[in-house]
């Protein structure tokens, strides 16, 4: 899986599909990973075009997004600003800066800018949107709406306590935890705020340390972990591993400290079998990522979220290792 054709060979359908239809959440993830390809093949570019068309169709005039499209091509929900809004802006922001196709960059930037009119009450949605804003600022440093959104995302994440045992802004770790630290790091770097950068790095340092077990990644499971509560080990999700790889890659770029690339290597290794069960978390026959790590081995379902998490993590590994 060293080239983009191999990375994307599992994408049998142009749009990631679930039983009930199609989700903006998953399509946005697809746009992130296809836009990150430095030299995409024609099939990968077609995927990116399809993902972008889906997202612009999902967006309303005020910048919110539908999330669920039925098999009959009808939206089954009202436009909103949940996680799918944040992930849509992440995908659009990534495409606006990283896509090799000029028209994709242009159209994605327009849709991203429309989306910045909205704000979500959910910190995770704001973090995802902030990561899109960070991508835009890397390519368009004077984009005012992206700068304000990134600032607001860091504020939404919150300030962690000055505590050695729980330097985290919330009393519970839930899902895609590293994205919260990553957006604070990005805001500190891109907005020239050294204190904010240090805060994000402190959050990520602690999060990575508590997710190591005997030198291997053992990420927060789907049920989460509350402060002073019991720490469960299963079911671990691929999205946690991908989020940690993203954050460590961002930390390495922001600081120039190659020590953060160890986190990327550990994330890649988790998929290859260096995990609590010692089993590979992807299927070499299909290229698909397994949906979860149970006490007895992988959940063999290969959903869009897990497969895209695998691809995202391998992209970082290919670029940095």
C-alpha atoms as a PDB file:
ATOM      1  CA  UNK A   1       0.000   0.000   0.000  1.00  0.00           C
ATOM      2  CA  UNK A   2       2.796   2.385  -0.827  1.00  0.00           C
ATOM      3  CA  UNK A   3       1.081   4.268  -3.673  1.00  0.00           C
ATOM      4  CA  UNK A   4      -2.227   6.076  -3.979  1.00  0.00           C
ATOM      5  CA  UNK A   5      -3.777   3.369  -6.139  1.00  0.00           C
ATOM      6  CA  UNK A   6      -3.178   0.852  -3.367  1.00  0.00           C
ATOM      7  CA  UNK A   7      -4.380   3.207  -0.673  1.00  0.00           C
ATOM      8  CA  UNK A   8      -7.718   3.747  -2.390  1.00  0.00           C
ATOM      9  CA  UNK A   9      -8.352   0.357  -3.960  1.00  0.00           C
ATOM     10  CA  UNK A  10     -10.980  -0.436  -1.292  1.00  0.00           C
ATOM     11  CA  UNK A  11     -13.151   2.510  -2.442  1.00  0.00           C
ATOM     12  CA  UNK A  12     -15.468   0.432  -4.621  1.00  0.00           C
ATOM     13  CA  UNK A  13     -18.111   3.172  -4.605  1.00  0.00           C
ATOM     14  CA  UNK A  14     -17.477   6.833  -5.302  1.00  0.00           C
ATOM     15  CA  UNK A  15     -19.325   7.792  -2.124  1.00  0.00           C
ATOM     16  CA  UNK A  16     -18.790   6.001   1.230  1.00  0.00           C
ATOM     17  CA  UNK A  17     -22.117   4.307   1.910  1.00  0.00           C
ATOM     18  CA  UNK A  18     -23.877   3.012   5.008  1.00  0.00           C
ATOM     19  CA  UNK A  19     -26.958   0.833   5.279  1.00  0.00           C
ATOM     20  CA  UNK A  20     -29.307   3.810   5.512  1.00  0.00           C
ATOM     21  CA  UNK A  21     -27.653   5.743   2.698  1.00  0.00           C
ATOM     22  CA  UNK A  22     -24.835   8.242   2.570  1.00  0.00           C
ATOM     23  CA  UNK A  23     -23.343  10.482   5.275  1.00  0.00           C
ATOM     24  CA  UNK A  24     -21.716  13.872   4.889  1.00  0.00           C
ATOM     25  CA  UNK A  25     -19.482  12.824   7.801  1.00  0.00           C
ATOM     26  CA  UNK A  26     -17.904   9.994   5.800  1.00  0.00           C
ATOM     27  CA  UNK A  27     -17.774  11.898   2.510  1.00  0.00           C
ATOM     28  CA  UNK A  28     -15.905  14.738   4.228  1.00  0.00           C
ATOM     29  CA  UNK A  29     -13.356  12.240   5.546  1.00  0.00           C
ATOM     30  CA  UNK A  30     -12.965  10.991   1.993  1.00  0.00           C
ATOM     31  CA  UNK A  31     -12.275  14.501   0.720  1.00  0.00           C
ATOM     32  CA  UNK A  32      -9.584  14.972   3.377  1.00  0.00           C
ATOM     33  CA  UNK A  33      -7.647  11.862   2.388  1.00  0.00           C
ATOM     34  CA  UNK A  34      -8.005  12.285  -1.375  1.00  0.00           C
ATOM     35  CA  UNK A  35      -6.906  15.919  -1.114  1.00  0.00           C
ATOM     36  CA  UNK A  36      -3.824  14.920   0.866  1.00  0.00           C
ATOM     37  CA  UNK A  37      -2.484  12.829  -1.998  1.00  0.00           C
ATOM     38  CA  UNK A  38       0.537  14.703  -3.416  1.00  0.00           C
ATOM     39  CA  UNK A  39       0.391  13.042  -6.848  1.00  0.00           C
ATOM     40  CA  UNK A  40      -3.097  11.572  -7.224  1.00  0.00           C
ATOM     41  CA  UNK A  41      -4.036   9.234 -10.033  1.00  0.00           C
ATOM     42  CA  UNK A  42      -7.020  10.000 -12.240  1.00  0.00           C
ATOM     43  CA  UNK A  43      -9.331   7.656 -10.231  1.00  0.00           C
ATOM     44  CA  UNK A  44      -8.374   9.406  -6.978  1.00  0.00           C
ATOM     45  CA  UNK A  45      -9.063  12.805  -8.507  1.00  0.00           C
ATOM     46  CA  UNK A  46     -12.465  11.563  -9.655  1.00  0.00           C
ATOM     47  CA  UNK A  47     -13.194  10.497  -6.091  1.00  0.00           C
ATOM     48  CA  UNK A  48     -12.238  13.958  -4.833  1.00  0.00           C
ATOM     49  CA  UNK A  49     -14.500  15.584  -7.425  1.00  0.00           C
ATOM     50  CA  UNK A  50     -17.381  13.341  -6.368  1.00  0.00           C
ATOM     51  CA  UNK A  51     -16.828  14.055  -2.669  1.00  0.00           C
ATOM     52  CA  UNK A  52     -16.689  17.798  -3.320  1.00  0.00           C
ATOM     53  CA  UNK A  53     -19.899  17.698  -5.363  1.00  0.00           C
ATOM     54  CA  UNK A  54     -21.630  15.831  -2.547  1.00  0.00           C
ATOM     55  CA  UNK A  55     -20.555  18.380   0.067  1.00  0.00           C
ATOM     56  CA  UNK A  56     -21.583  21.405  -1.965  1.00  0.00           C
ATOM     57  CA  UNK A  57     -24.953  19.739  -2.565  1.00  0.00           C
ATOM     58  CA  UNK A  58     -25.291  19.081   1.181  1.00  0.00           C
ATOM     59  CA  UNK A  59     -24.610  22.712   2.109  1.00  0.00           C
ATOM     60  CA  UNK A  60     -27.401  25.233   2.467  1.00  0.00           C
ATOM     61  CA  UNK A  61     -27.131  28.948   1.767  1.00  0.00           C
ATOM     62  CA  UNK A  62     -26.348  29.763   5.397  1.00  0.00           C
ATOM     63  CA  UNK A  63     -23.374  27.411   5.619  1.00  0.00           C
ATOM     64  CA  UNK A  64     -24.968  24.488   7.493  1.00  0.00           C
ATOM     65  CA  UNK A  65     -24.957  20.958   6.065  1.00  0.00           C
ATOM     66  CA  UNK A  66     -27.319  18.051   5.707  1.00  0.00           C
ATOM     67  CA  UNK A  67     -25.788  14.814   6.979  1.00  0.00           C
ATOM     68  CA  UNK A  68     -27.954  11.959   5.709  1.00  0.00           C
ATOM     69  CA  UNK A  69     -28.857  11.251   2.101  1.00  0.00           C
ATOM     70  CA  UNK A  70     -31.154   8.300   1.460  1.00  0.00           C
ATOM     71  CA  UNK A  71     -30.743   5.813  -1.340  1.00  0.00           C
ATOM     72  CA  UNK A  72     -33.537   7.695  -3.116  1.00  0.00           C
ATOM     73  CA  UNK A  73     -31.258  10.790  -3.217  1.00  0.00           C
ATOM     74  CA  UNK A  74     -33.440  12.688  -0.768  1.00  0.00           C
ATOM     75  CA  UNK A  75     -32.070  14.295   2.371  1.00  0.00           C
ATOM     76  CA  UNK A  76     -33.560  12.744   5.481  1.00  0.00           C
ATOM     77  CA  UNK A  77     -32.513  15.505   7.886  1.00  0.00           C
ATOM     78  CA  UNK A  78     -32.442  19.270   8.182  1.00  0.00           C
ATOM     79  CA  UNK A  79     -29.192  21.219   7.720  1.00  0.00           C
ATOM     80  CA  UNK A  80     -27.231  21.457  10.954  1.00  0.00           C
ATOM     81  CA  UNK A  81     -23.885  22.169  12.601  1.00  0.00           C
ATOM     82  CA  UNK A  82     -23.027  18.856  14.249  1.00  0.00           C
ATOM     83  CA  UNK A  83     -19.843  16.894  13.662  1.00  0.00           C
ATOM     84  CA  UNK A  84     -20.697  16.603   9.969  1.00  0.00           C
ATOM     85  CA  UNK A  85     -20.558  20.404   9.599  1.00  0.00           C
ATOM     86  CA  UNK A  86     -17.136  20.456  11.222  1.00  0.00           C
ATOM     87  CA  UNK A  87     -15.852  17.558   9.149  1.00  0.00           C
ATOM     88  CA  UNK A  88     -17.262  19.100   5.978  1.00  0.00           C
ATOM     89  CA  UNK A  89     -15.253  22.263   6.648  1.00  0.00           C
ATOM     90  CA  UNK A  90     -12.208  20.138   7.403  1.00  0.00           C
ATOM     91  CA  UNK A  91     -12.572  18.397   4.060  1.00  0.00           C
ATOM     92  CA  UNK A  92     -13.251  21.609   2.166  1.00  0.00           C
ATOM     93  CA  UNK A  93     -10.359  23.414   3.842  1.00  0.00           C
ATOM     94  CA  UNK A  94      -7.987  20.585   3.013  1.00  0.00           C
ATOM     95  CA  UNK A  95      -9.144  20.511  -0.601  1.00  0.00           C
ATOM     96  CA  UNK A  96      -8.887  24.306  -0.871  1.00  0.00           C
ATOM     97  CA  UNK A  97      -5.194  24.202  -0.018  1.00  0.00           C
ATOM     98  CA  UNK A  98      -3.886  20.760  -0.943  1.00  0.00           C
ATOM     99  CA  UNK A  99      -5.775  19.574  -4.018  1.00  0.00           C
ATOM    100  CA  UNK A 100      -3.707  19.406  -7.187  1.00  0.00           C
ATOM    101  CA  UNK A 101      -6.744  20.433  -9.276  1.00  0.00           C
ATOM    102  CA  UNK A 102      -7.207  24.242  -9.456  1.00  0.00           C
ATOM    103  CA  UNK A 103     -10.976  24.083  -9.904  1.00  0.00           C
ATOM    104  CA  UNK A 104     -11.328  21.838  -6.836  1.00  0.00           C
ATOM    105  CA  UNK A 105      -9.283  24.301  -4.790  1.00  0.00           C
ATOM    106  CA  UNK A 106     -11.404  27.219  -5.973  1.00  0.00           C
ATOM    107  CA  UNK A 107     -14.796  25.597  -5.448  1.00  0.00           C
ATOM    108  CA  UNK A 108     -13.785  24.134  -2.085  1.00  0.00           C
ATOM    109  CA  UNK A 109     -12.616  27.526  -0.842  1.00  0.00           C
ATOM    110  CA  UNK A 110     -15.936  29.124  -1.781  1.00  0.00           C
ATOM    111  CA  UNK A 111     -17.925  26.438   0.061  1.00  0.00           C
ATOM    112  CA  UNK A 112     -15.575  26.588   3.041  1.00  0.00           C
ATOM    113  CA  UNK A 113     -15.970  30.345   3.305  1.00  0.00           C
ATOM    114  CA  UNK A 114     -19.777  30.041   3.265  1.00  0.00           C
ATOM    115  CA  UNK A 115     -19.535  27.457   6.044  1.00  0.00           C
ATOM    116  CA  UNK A 116     -17.518  29.754   8.305  1.00  0.00           C
ATOM    117  CA  UNK A 117     -20.656  31.802   8.934  1.00  0.00           C
ATOM    118  CA  UNK A 118     -21.833  29.057  11.293  1.00  0.00           C
ATOM    119  CA  UNK A 119     -20.674  27.969  14.743  1.00  0.00           C
ATOM    120  CA  UNK A 120     -21.444  24.763  16.611  1.00  0.00           C
ATOM    121  CA  UNK A 121     -22.062  24.400  20.357  1.00  0.00           C
ATOM    122  CA  UNK A 122     -20.158  21.104  20.254  1.00  0.00           C
ATOM    123  CA  UNK A 123     -16.380  21.261  20.917  1.00  0.00           C
ATOM    124  CA  UNK A 124     -15.623  18.328  18.621  1.00  0.00           C
ATOM    125  CA  UNK A 125     -17.492  19.890  15.703  1.00  0.00           C
ATOM    126  CA  UNK A 126     -15.624  23.136  16.317  1.00  0.00           C
ATOM    127  CA  UNK A 127     -12.310  21.281  16.467  1.00  0.00           C
ATOM    128  CA  UNK A 128     -12.946  19.582  13.135  1.00  0.00           C
ATOM    129  CA  UNK A 129     -13.964  22.898  11.570  1.00  0.00           C
ATOM    130  CA  UNK A 130     -10.892  24.528  13.083  1.00  0.00           C
ATOM    131  CA  UNK A 131      -8.655  21.940  11.444  1.00  0.00           C
ATOM    132  CA  UNK A 132     -10.175  22.927   8.117  1.00  0.00           C
ATOM    133  CA  UNK A 133      -9.522  26.572   8.946  1.00  0.00           C
ATOM    134  CA  UNK A 134      -5.903  25.728   9.744  1.00  0.00           C
ATOM    135  CA  UNK A 135      -5.533  24.090   6.336  1.00  0.00           C
ATOM    136  CA  UNK A 136      -6.925  27.196   4.622  1.00  0.00           C
ATOM    137  CA  UNK A 137      -4.584  29.497   6.552  1.00  0.00           C
ATOM    138  CA  UNK A 138      -1.578  27.446   5.465  1.00  0.00           C
ATOM    139  CA  UNK A 139      -2.454  28.240   1.869  1.00  0.00           C
ATOM    140  CA  UNK A 140      -4.228  31.577   2.356  1.00  0.00           C
ATOM    141  CA  UNK A 141      -2.672  33.342   5.388  1.00  0.00           C
ATOM    142  CA  UNK A 142      -4.891  36.419   4.935  1.00  0.00           C
ATOM    143  CA  UNK A 143      -8.193  34.514   4.979  1.00  0.00           C
ATOM    144  CA  UNK A 144      -9.899  36.422   7.799  1.00  0.00           C
ATOM    145  CA  UNK A 145     -12.888  34.115   8.223  1.00  0.00           C
ATOM    146  CA  UNK A 146     -10.602  31.102   8.607  1.00  0.00           C
ATOM    147  CA  UNK A 147      -8.495  32.922  11.198  1.00  0.00           C
ATOM    148  CA  UNK A 148     -11.542  33.837  13.281  1.00  0.00           C
ATOM    149  CA  UNK A 149     -12.921  30.306  13.037  1.00  0.00           C
ATOM    150  CA  UNK A 150      -9.602  28.814  14.163  1.00  0.00           C
ATOM    151  CA  UNK A 151      -9.507  31.192  17.136  1.00  0.00           C
ATOM    152  CA  UNK A 152     -13.077  30.261  18.046  1.00  0.00           C
ATOM    153  CA  UNK A 153     -12.298  26.547  17.734  1.00  0.00           C
ATOM    154  CA  UNK A 154      -9.433  26.798  20.217  1.00  0.00           C
ATOM    155  CA  UNK A 155     -11.704  28.678  22.625  1.00  0.00           C
ATOM    156  CA  UNK A 156     -14.419  26.037  22.222  1.00  0.00           C
ATOM    157  CA  UNK A 157     -11.976  23.269  23.170  1.00  0.00           C
ATOM    158  CA  UNK A 158     -11.304  25.040  26.453  1.00  0.00           C
ATOM    159  CA  UNK A 159      -8.320  25.418  28.756  1.00  0.00           C
ATOM    160  CA  UNK A 160      -7.060  22.365  30.631  1.00  0.00           C
ATOM    161  CA  UNK A 161      -6.482  22.386  34.351  1.00  0.00           C
ATOM    162  CA  UNK A 162      -2.955  22.888  35.624  1.00  0.00           C
ATOM    163  CA  UNK A 163      -2.865  19.243  36.627  1.00  0.00           C
ATOM    164  CA  UNK A 164      -0.275  16.545  35.988  1.00  0.00           C
ATOM    165  CA  UNK A 165      -2.739  13.673  36.167  1.00  0.00           C
ATOM    166  CA  UNK A 166      -5.478  15.214  33.975  1.00  0.00           C
ATOM    167  CA  UNK A 167      -4.265  18.179  31.848  1.00  0.00           C
ATOM    168  CA  UNK A 168      -7.378  18.038  29.715  1.00  0.00           C
ATOM    169  CA  UNK A 169     -10.150  20.639  29.373  1.00  0.00           C
ATOM    170  CA  UNK A 170     -12.974  18.130  29.943  1.00  0.00           C
ATOM    171  CA  UNK A 171     -13.680  15.542  32.635  1.00  0.00           C
ATOM    172  CA  UNK A 172     -14.070  12.732  30.104  1.00  0.00           C
ATOM    173  CA  UNK A 173     -12.194  11.499  27.058  1.00  0.00           C
ATOM    174  CA  UNK A 174     -14.690  10.493  24.383  1.00  0.00           C
ATOM    175  CA  UNK A 175     -13.869  10.144  20.665  1.00  0.00           C
ATOM    176  CA  UNK A 176     -11.338  11.666  18.247  1.00  0.00           C
ATOM    177  CA  UNK A 177      -9.713  13.069  21.369  1.00  0.00           C
ATOM    178  CA  UNK A 178      -6.448  14.034  19.710  1.00  0.00           C
ATOM    179  CA  UNK A 179      -8.315  16.384  17.351  1.00  0.00           C
ATOM    180  CA  UNK A 180      -8.965  18.685  20.318  1.00  0.00           C
ATOM    181  CA  UNK A 181      -5.264  18.914  21.102  1.00  0.00           C
ATOM    182  CA  UNK A 182      -4.391  19.230  17.417  1.00  0.00           C
ATOM    183  CA  UNK A 183      -6.581  22.253  16.788  1.00  0.00           C
ATOM    184  CA  UNK A 184      -5.089  24.031  19.815  1.00  0.00           C
ATOM    185  CA  UNK A 185      -1.595  23.289  18.486  1.00  0.00           C
ATOM    186  CA  UNK A 186      -2.565  24.558  15.030  1.00  0.00           C
ATOM    187  CA  UNK A 187      -4.109  27.714  16.475  1.00  0.00           C
ATOM    188  CA  UNK A 188      -1.002  28.393  18.536  1.00  0.00           C
ATOM    189  CA  UNK A 189       1.293  27.914  15.562  1.00  0.00           C
ATOM    190  CA  UNK A 190      -0.692  29.738  12.894  1.00  0.00           C
ATOM    191  CA  UNK A 191      -1.922  32.568  15.101  1.00  0.00           C
ATOM    192  CA  UNK A 192       1.495  33.187  16.651  1.00  0.00           C
ATOM    193  CA  UNK A 193       0.383  32.359  20.179  1.00  0.00           C
ATOM    194  CA  UNK A 194       3.212  30.594  22.001  1.00  0.00           C
ATOM    195  CA  UNK A 195       1.180  29.962  25.140  1.00  0.00           C
ATOM    196  CA  UNK A 196      -1.586  28.309  23.137  1.00  0.00           C
ATOM    197  CA  UNK A 197       0.931  26.160  21.274  1.00  0.00           C
ATOM    198  CA  UNK A 198       2.465  25.034  24.560  1.00  0.00           C
ATOM    199  CA  UNK A 199      -0.982  24.189  25.922  1.00  0.00           C
ATOM    200  CA  UNK A 200      -1.831  22.060  22.908  1.00  0.00           C
ATOM    201  CA  UNK A 201       1.491  20.241  23.073  1.00  0.00           C
ATOM    202  CA  UNK A 202       0.996  19.557  26.768  1.00  0.00           C
ATOM    203  CA  UNK A 203      -2.452  18.127  26.061  1.00  0.00           C
ATOM    204  CA  UNK A 204      -1.139  15.903  23.281  1.00  0.00           C
ATOM    205  CA  UNK A 205       1.878  14.744  25.283  1.00  0.00           C
ATOM    206  CA  UNK A 206      -0.370  13.558  28.086  1.00  0.00           C
ATOM    207  CA  UNK A 207      -2.941  12.013  25.752  1.00  0.00           C
ATOM    208  CA  UNK A 208      -0.291  10.024  23.931  1.00  0.00           C
ATOM    209  CA  UNK A 209       1.286   8.849  27.187  1.00  0.00           C
ATOM    210  CA  UNK A 210      -1.996   7.595  28.647  1.00  0.00           C
ATOM    211  CA  UNK A 211      -2.701   5.717  25.422  1.00  0.00           C
ATOM    212  CA  UNK A 212       0.523   3.696  25.580  1.00  0.00           C
ATOM    213  CA  UNK A 213       0.712   0.245  27.109  1.00  0.00           C
ATOM    214  CA  UNK A 214       4.030  -1.587  27.106  1.00  0.00           C
ATOM    215  CA  UNK A 215       5.221   0.637  24.288  1.00  0.00           C
ATOM    216  CA  UNK A 216       2.166  -0.030  22.086  1.00  0.00           C
ATOM    217  CA  UNK A 217      -0.858   2.129  21.406  1.00  0.00           C
ATOM    218  CA  UNK A 218      -3.897   1.245  23.489  1.00  0.00           C
ATOM    219  CA  UNK A 219      -6.349   3.974  22.556  1.00  0.00           C
ATOM    220  CA  UNK A 220      -9.406   5.149  24.455  1.00  0.00           C
ATOM    221  CA  UNK A 221     -12.269   2.750  23.617  1.00  0.00           C
ATOM    222  CA  UNK A 222     -15.679   3.627  22.286  1.00  0.00           C
ATOM    223  CA  UNK A 223     -17.172   3.992  25.790  1.00  0.00           C
ATOM    224  CA  UNK A 224     -14.622   6.664  26.677  1.00  0.00           C
ATOM    225  CA  UNK A 225     -12.809   7.248  29.951  1.00  0.00           C
ATOM    226  CA  UNK A 226     -13.968   9.519  32.754  1.00  0.00           C
ATOM    227  CA  UNK A 227     -11.514  11.094  35.157  1.00  0.00           C
ATOM    228  CA  UNK A 228     -11.108   8.913  38.280  1.00  0.00           C
ATOM    229  CA  UNK A 229     -13.186   6.229  36.559  1.00  0.00           C
ATOM    230  CA  UNK A 230     -12.159   2.726  35.429  1.00  0.00           C
ATOM    231  CA  UNK A 231     -10.076   2.517  32.255  1.00  0.00           C
ATOM    232  CA  UNK A 232     -11.463   0.019  29.750  1.00  0.00           C
ATOM    233  CA  UNK A 233      -9.378  -1.371  26.893  1.00  0.00           C
ATOM    234  CA  UNK A 234     -12.038  -2.412  24.360  1.00  0.00           C
ATOM    235  CA  UNK A 235     -13.611  -1.724  21.928  1.00  0.00           C
ATOM    236  CA  UNK A 236     -10.885   0.436  20.422  1.00  0.00           C
ATOM    237  CA  UNK A 237     -11.744   2.333  17.246  1.00  0.00           C
ATOM    238  CA  UNK A 238      -9.582   3.158  14.242  1.00  0.00           C
ATOM    239  CA  UNK A 239     -10.706   6.788  14.366  1.00  0.00           C
ATOM    240  CA  UNK A 240      -8.774   7.264  17.621  1.00  0.00           C
ATOM    241  CA  UNK A 241      -5.583   5.984  16.057  1.00  0.00           C
ATOM    242  CA  UNK A 242      -5.993   8.189  12.988  1.00  0.00           C
ATOM    243  CA  UNK A 243      -6.699  11.255  15.134  1.00  0.00           C
ATOM    244  CA  UNK A 244      -3.506  10.640  17.112  1.00  0.00           C
ATOM    245  CA  UNK A 245      -1.478  10.247  13.917  1.00  0.00           C
ATOM    246  CA  UNK A 246      -2.932  13.525  12.585  1.00  0.00           C
ATOM    247  CA  UNK A 247      -2.105  15.373  15.801  1.00  0.00           C
ATOM    248  CA  UNK A 248       1.429  14.009  16.079  1.00  0.00           C
ATOM    249  CA  UNK A 249       2.113  14.943  12.446  1.00  0.00           C
ATOM    250  CA  UNK A 250       0.839  18.474  13.121  1.00  0.00           C
ATOM    251  CA  UNK A 251       2.958  18.723  16.273  1.00  0.00           C
ATOM    252  CA  UNK A 252       6.056  17.626  14.347  1.00  0.00           C
ATOM    253  CA  UNK A 253       5.430  20.273  11.679  1.00  0.00           C
ATOM    254  CA  UNK A 254       4.650  23.007  14.206  1.00  0.00           C
ATOM    255  CA  UNK A 255       7.718  22.390  16.368  1.00  0.00           C
ATOM    256  CA  UNK A 256      10.269  20.795  14.059  1.00  0.00           C
ATOM    257  CA  UNK A 257      10.636  18.109  16.720  1.00  0.00           C
ATOM    258  CA  UNK A 258      10.959  14.770  14.948  1.00  0.00           C
ATOM    259  CA  UNK A 259      10.255  13.016  18.233  1.00  0.00           C
ATOM    260  CA  UNK A 260       6.559  13.456  17.462  1.00  0.00           C
ATOM    261  CA  UNK A 261       6.974  11.129  14.502  1.00  0.00           C
ATOM    262  CA  UNK A 262       7.258   8.288  16.990  1.00  0.00           C
ATOM    263  CA  UNK A 263       3.529   8.763  17.555  1.00  0.00           C
ATOM    264  CA  UNK A 264       2.916   8.405  13.827  1.00  0.00           C
ATOM    265  CA  UNK A 265       4.944   5.188  13.763  1.00  0.00           C
ATOM    266  CA  UNK A 266       2.982   3.803  16.699  1.00  0.00           C
ATOM    267  CA  UNK A 267      -0.295   4.612  14.951  1.00  0.00           C
ATOM    268  CA  UNK A 268       0.803   2.801  11.796  1.00  0.00           C
ATOM    269  CA  UNK A 269       2.005  -0.111  13.919  1.00  0.00           C
ATOM    270  CA  UNK A 270      -1.401  -0.379  15.642  1.00  0.00           C
ATOM    271  CA  UNK A 271      -3.002  -1.187  12.298  1.00  0.00           C
ATOM    272  CA  UNK A 272      -0.238  -3.658  11.477  1.00  0.00           C
ATOM    273  CA  UNK A 273      -0.695  -5.637  14.699  1.00  0.00           C
ATOM    274  CA  UNK A 274       1.178  -3.840  17.480  1.00  0.00           C
ATOM    275  CA  UNK A 275      -1.888  -3.452  19.678  1.00  0.00           C
ATOM    276  CA  UNK A 276      -3.406  -5.031  22.781  1.00  0.00           C
ATOM    277  CA  UNK A 277      -4.461  -8.195  20.968  1.00  0.00           C
ATOM    278  CA  UNK A 278      -1.499  -8.448  18.600  1.00  0.00           C
ATOM    279  CA  UNK A 279      -3.640  -8.635  15.489  1.00  0.00           C
ATOM    280  CA  UNK A 280      -3.662  -6.712  12.223  1.00  0.00           C
ATOM    281  CA  UNK A 281      -6.500  -4.189  11.971  1.00  0.00           C
ATOM    282  CA  UNK A 282      -6.840  -4.235   8.198  1.00  0.00           C
ATOM    283  CA  UNK A 283      -7.577  -6.790   5.520  1.00  0.00           C
ATOM    284  CA  UNK A 284      -4.786  -7.116   2.924  1.00  0.00           C
ATOM    285  CA  UNK A 285      -7.221  -8.746   0.488  1.00  0.00           C
ATOM    286  CA  UNK A 286      -9.475  -5.691   0.306  1.00  0.00           C
ATOM    287  CA  UNK A 287      -7.403  -2.852   1.747  1.00  0.00           C
ATOM    288  CA  UNK A 288     -10.232  -2.201   4.223  1.00  0.00           C
ATOM    289  CA  UNK A 289      -9.813  -1.235   7.876  1.00  0.00           C
ATOM    290  CA  UNK A 290     -11.566  -3.292  10.549  1.00  0.00           C
ATOM    291  CA  UNK A 291     -14.202  -1.509  12.606  1.00  0.00           C
ATOM    292  CA  UNK A 292     -12.931  -2.166  16.111  1.00  0.00           C
ATOM    293  CA  UNK A 293     -10.496  -4.042  18.332  1.00  0.00           C
ATOM    294  CA  UNK A 294     -12.347  -6.375  20.706  1.00  0.00           C
ATOM    295  CA  UNK A 295     -10.830  -8.590  23.446  1.00  0.00           C
ATOM    296  CA  UNK A 296     -11.039 -11.493  21.001  1.00  0.00           C
ATOM    297  CA  UNK A 297      -9.629  -9.766  17.917  1.00  0.00           C
ATOM    298  CA  UNK A 298     -10.912  -7.404  15.255  1.00  0.00           C
ATOM    299  CA  UNK A 299     -14.503  -6.649  14.424  1.00  0.00           C
ATOM    300  CA  UNK A 300     -14.246  -7.836  10.827  1.00  0.00           C
ATOM    301  CA  UNK A 301     -16.705  -5.331   9.393  1.00  0.00           C
ATOM    302  CA  UNK A 302     -14.893  -2.865   7.133  1.00  0.00           C
ATOM    303  CA  UNK A 303     -16.806   0.399   7.333  1.00  0.00           C
ATOM    304  CA  UNK A 304     -16.033   3.669   5.584  1.00  0.00           C
ATOM    305  CA  UNK A 305     -14.925   5.407   8.776  1.00  0.00           C
ATOM    306  CA  UNK A 306     -12.388   2.713   9.672  1.00  0.00           C
ATOM    307  CA  UNK A 307     -11.067   2.317   6.131  1.00  0.00           C
ATOM    308  CA  UNK A 308     -10.561   6.062   5.767  1.00  0.00           C
ATOM    309  CA  UNK A 309      -8.851   6.134   9.176  1.00  0.00           C
ATOM    310  CA  UNK A 310      -6.481   3.445   7.930  1.00  0.00           C
ATOM    311  CA  UNK A 311      -5.738   5.365   4.730  1.00  0.00           C
ATOM    312  CA  UNK A 312      -5.205   8.618   6.619  1.00  0.00           C
ATOM    313  CA  UNK A 313      -2.746   6.989   9.017  1.00  0.00           C
ATOM    314  CA  UNK A 314      -0.818   5.269   6.219  1.00  0.00           C
ATOM    315  CA  UNK A 315      -0.571   8.593   4.382  1.00  0.00           C
ATOM    316  CA  UNK A 316       1.258  10.075   7.370  1.00  0.00           C
ATOM    317  CA  UNK A 317       3.445   7.013   7.598  1.00  0.00           C
ATOM    318  CA  UNK A 318       4.333   7.185   3.918  1.00  0.00           C
ATOM    319  CA  UNK A 319       5.195  10.881   4.136  1.00  0.00           C
ATOM    320  CA  UNK A 320       7.193  10.810   7.345  1.00  0.00           C
ATOM    321  CA  UNK A 321       8.659   7.371   7.970  1.00  0.00           C
END
